[in-house]
Amino acid sequence: DPGDDADPCGLAADPLSADLYAIQGGFIPSVSRTIQRIVRLRSTGPDQYDVEIIADRFGRLAPCGIAFSADGKRLVITDAGNRVVIVLKRKSQVSP
């Protein structure tokens, strides 16, 4: 996956689970494109994670901030300069 070369630029811990969410983005020289996406990292063992893309295709938006609401029901993503705020609502409750 070309995205394996992209650096994370934001990280949030899910208060309802042990999952981590990261903004992953950057220019990927091997495929001459820029990617920007939100990935979920779920621990599968010591130093091992399943990685799942949960959001991508942000268009001209450059995501740079990520955080959960205190109750864990919403994931908030901001762009550079906090001019745009995207709120992703949790579909269902997660058991810790």
C-alpha atoms as a PDB file:
ATOM      1  CA  ASP A   1       0.000   0.000   0.000  1.00  0.00           C
ATOM      2  CA  PRO A   2       1.510   3.366  -1.004  1.00  0.00           C
ATOM      3  CA  GLY A   3       0.034   4.910   2.156  1.00  0.00           C
ATOM      4  CA  ASP A   4       2.521   2.954   4.242  1.00  0.00           C
ATOM      5  CA  ASP A   5       5.039   5.670   3.332  1.00  0.00           C
ATOM      6  CA  ALA A   6       2.891   8.519   4.693  1.00  0.00           C
ATOM      7  CA  ASP A   7       3.625  10.010   8.084  1.00  0.00           C
ATOM      8  CA  PRO A   8       0.927  10.426  10.740  1.00  0.00           C
ATOM      9  CA  CYS A   9       0.284  14.061  11.626  1.00  0.00           C
ATOM     10  CA  GLY A  10      -2.361  13.742  14.337  1.00  0.00           C
ATOM     11  CA  LEU A  11      -3.340  11.126  16.897  1.00  0.00           C
ATOM     12  CA  ALA A  12      -6.404  10.581  19.119  1.00  0.00           C
ATOM     13  CA  ALA A  13      -7.191   7.849  21.647  1.00  0.00           C
ATOM     14  CA  ASP A  14     -10.752   6.516  21.615  1.00  0.00           C
ATOM     15  CA  PRO A  15     -12.147   6.888  25.164  1.00  0.00           C
ATOM     16  CA  LEU A  16     -14.526   3.935  24.601  1.00  0.00           C
ATOM     17  CA  SER A  17     -11.933   1.417  23.420  1.00  0.00           C
ATOM     18  CA  ALA A  18      -8.187   0.842  23.201  1.00  0.00           C
ATOM     19  CA  ASP A  19      -8.162   2.026  19.562  1.00  0.00           C
ATOM     20  CA  LEU A  20      -6.037   4.870  18.270  1.00  0.00           C
ATOM     21  CA  TYR A  21      -7.023   7.096  15.364  1.00  0.00           C
ATOM     22  CA  ALA A  22      -4.454   8.921  13.243  1.00  0.00           C
ATOM     23  CA  ILE A  23      -4.407  11.421  10.424  1.00  0.00           C
ATOM     24  CA  GLN A  24      -2.122   9.974   7.794  1.00  0.00           C
ATOM     25  CA  GLY A  25      -1.049  12.082   4.889  1.00  0.00           C
ATOM     26  CA  GLY A  26       1.643  13.409   2.699  1.00  0.00           C
ATOM     27  CA  PHE A  27       3.099  13.213  -0.763  1.00  0.00           C
ATOM     28  CA  ILE A  28       4.005   9.673  -1.798  1.00  0.00           C
ATOM     29  CA  PRO A  29       6.856   9.913  -4.346  1.00  0.00           C
ATOM     30  CA  SER A  30       6.578   6.246  -5.393  1.00  0.00           C
ATOM     31  CA  VAL A  31       3.108   6.871  -6.854  1.00  0.00           C
ATOM     32  CA  SER A  32       3.343  10.657  -7.373  1.00  0.00           C
ATOM     33  CA  ARG A  33       0.252  11.500  -5.369  1.00  0.00           C
ATOM     34  CA  THR A  34      -0.836  13.045  -2.109  1.00  0.00           C
ATOM     35  CA  ILE A  35      -2.987  11.083   0.319  1.00  0.00           C
ATOM     36  CA  GLN A  36      -4.946  12.292   3.303  1.00  0.00           C
ATOM     37  CA  ARG A  37      -6.956   9.866   5.372  1.00  0.00           C
ATOM     38  CA  ILE A  38      -8.011   8.869   8.861  1.00  0.00           C
ATOM     39  CA  VAL A  39      -6.953   5.409   9.994  1.00  0.00           C
ATOM     40  CA  ARG A  40      -7.913   3.321  13.013  1.00  0.00           C
ATOM     41  CA  LEU A  41      -5.202   1.285  14.734  1.00  0.00           C
ATOM     42  CA  ARG A  42      -6.502  -1.666  16.742  1.00  0.00           C
ATOM     43  CA  SER A  43      -4.010  -3.646  18.815  1.00  0.00           C
ATOM     44  CA  THR A  44      -3.719  -7.323  17.884  1.00  0.00           C
ATOM     45  CA  GLY A  45      -0.738  -8.094  20.120  1.00  0.00           C
ATOM     46  CA  PRO A  46       2.484  -6.590  21.442  1.00  0.00           C
ATOM     47  CA  ASP A  47       3.607  -3.960  18.901  1.00  0.00           C
ATOM     48  CA  GLN A  48       1.082  -5.245  16.321  1.00  0.00           C
ATOM     49  CA  TYR A  49      -1.929  -3.383  14.965  1.00  0.00           C
ATOM     50  CA  ASP A  50      -4.669  -3.859  12.396  1.00  0.00           C
ATOM     51  CA  VAL A  51      -4.974  -0.654  10.382  1.00  0.00           C
ATOM     52  CA  GLU A  52      -8.296   0.306   8.815  1.00  0.00           C
ATOM     53  CA  ILE A  53      -9.015   3.399   6.733  1.00  0.00           C
ATOM     54  CA  ILE A  54     -12.158   5.033   8.130  1.00  0.00           C
ATOM     55  CA  ALA A  55     -12.203   8.271   6.100  1.00  0.00           C
ATOM     56  CA  ASP A  56     -10.411   9.630   3.043  1.00  0.00           C
ATOM     57  CA  ARG A  57     -10.937  11.792  -0.016  1.00  0.00           C
ATOM     58  CA  PHE A  58     -10.936  15.123   1.756  1.00  0.00           C
ATOM     59  CA  GLY A  59     -10.504  17.086  -1.473  1.00  0.00           C
ATOM     60  CA  ARG A  60      -8.744  20.369  -0.840  1.00  0.00           C
ATOM     61  CA  LEU A  61      -9.070  20.039   2.932  1.00  0.00           C
ATOM     62  CA  ALA A  62      -5.756  19.427   4.683  1.00  0.00           C
ATOM     63  CA  PRO A  63      -6.637  17.594   7.922  1.00  0.00           C
ATOM     64  CA  CYS A  64      -4.290  18.497  10.748  1.00  0.00           C
ATOM     65  CA  GLY A  65      -6.151  18.015  14.034  1.00  0.00           C
ATOM     66  CA  ILE A  66      -8.070  15.064  15.443  1.00  0.00           C
ATOM     67  CA  ALA A  67      -9.822  14.532  18.790  1.00  0.00           C
ATOM     68  CA  PHE A  68     -12.681  12.636  20.378  1.00  0.00           C
ATOM     69  CA  SER A  69     -15.496  14.227  22.345  1.00  0.00           C
ATOM     70  CA  ALA A  70     -15.302  13.388  26.063  1.00  0.00           C
ATOM     71  CA  ASP A  71     -18.171  10.889  25.743  1.00  0.00           C
ATOM     72  CA  GLY A  72     -16.529   9.184  22.744  1.00  0.00           C
ATOM     73  CA  LYS A  73     -19.569   9.679  20.522  1.00  0.00           C
ATOM     74  CA  ARG A  74     -17.899  12.032  18.033  1.00  0.00           C
ATOM     75  CA  LEU A  75     -14.565  12.222  16.274  1.00  0.00           C
ATOM     76  CA  VAL A  76     -13.640  15.792  15.348  1.00  0.00           C
ATOM     77  CA  ILE A  77     -11.226  16.574  12.498  1.00  0.00           C
ATOM     78  CA  THR A  78      -9.962  20.084  11.760  1.00  0.00           C
ATOM     79  CA  ASP A  79      -8.043  21.537   8.867  1.00  0.00           C
ATOM     80  CA  ALA A  80      -4.964  23.750   8.941  1.00  0.00           C
ATOM     81  CA  GLY A  81      -5.949  26.966  10.694  1.00  0.00           C
ATOM     82  CA  ASN A  82      -9.153  25.442  12.103  1.00  0.00           C
ATOM     83  CA  ARG A  83     -11.239  27.005   9.342  1.00  0.00           C
ATOM     84  CA  VAL A  84     -13.135  23.761   8.710  1.00  0.00           C
ATOM     85  CA  VAL A  85     -14.385  21.288  11.301  1.00  0.00           C
ATOM     86  CA  ILE A  86     -15.650  17.824  10.341  1.00  0.00           C
ATOM     87  CA  VAL A  87     -17.548  15.790  12.922  1.00  0.00           C
ATOM     88  CA  LEU A  88     -17.919  12.038  12.456  1.00  0.00           C
ATOM     89  CA  LYS A  89     -20.642  10.528  14.628  1.00  0.00           C
ATOM     90  CA  ARG A  90     -20.145   7.019  16.044  1.00  0.00           C
ATOM     91  CA  LYS A  91     -22.572   4.523  14.518  1.00  0.00           C
ATOM     92  CA  SER A  92     -22.887   2.356  17.615  1.00  0.00           C
ATOM     93  CA  GLN A  93     -21.410   2.002  21.069  1.00  0.00           C
ATOM     94  CA  VAL A  94     -18.111   0.182  21.429  1.00  0.00           C
ATOM     95  CA  SER A  95     -17.530  -2.166  24.308  1.00  0.00           C
ATOM     96  CA  PRO A  96     -14.258  -1.350  26.111  1.00  0.00           C
END
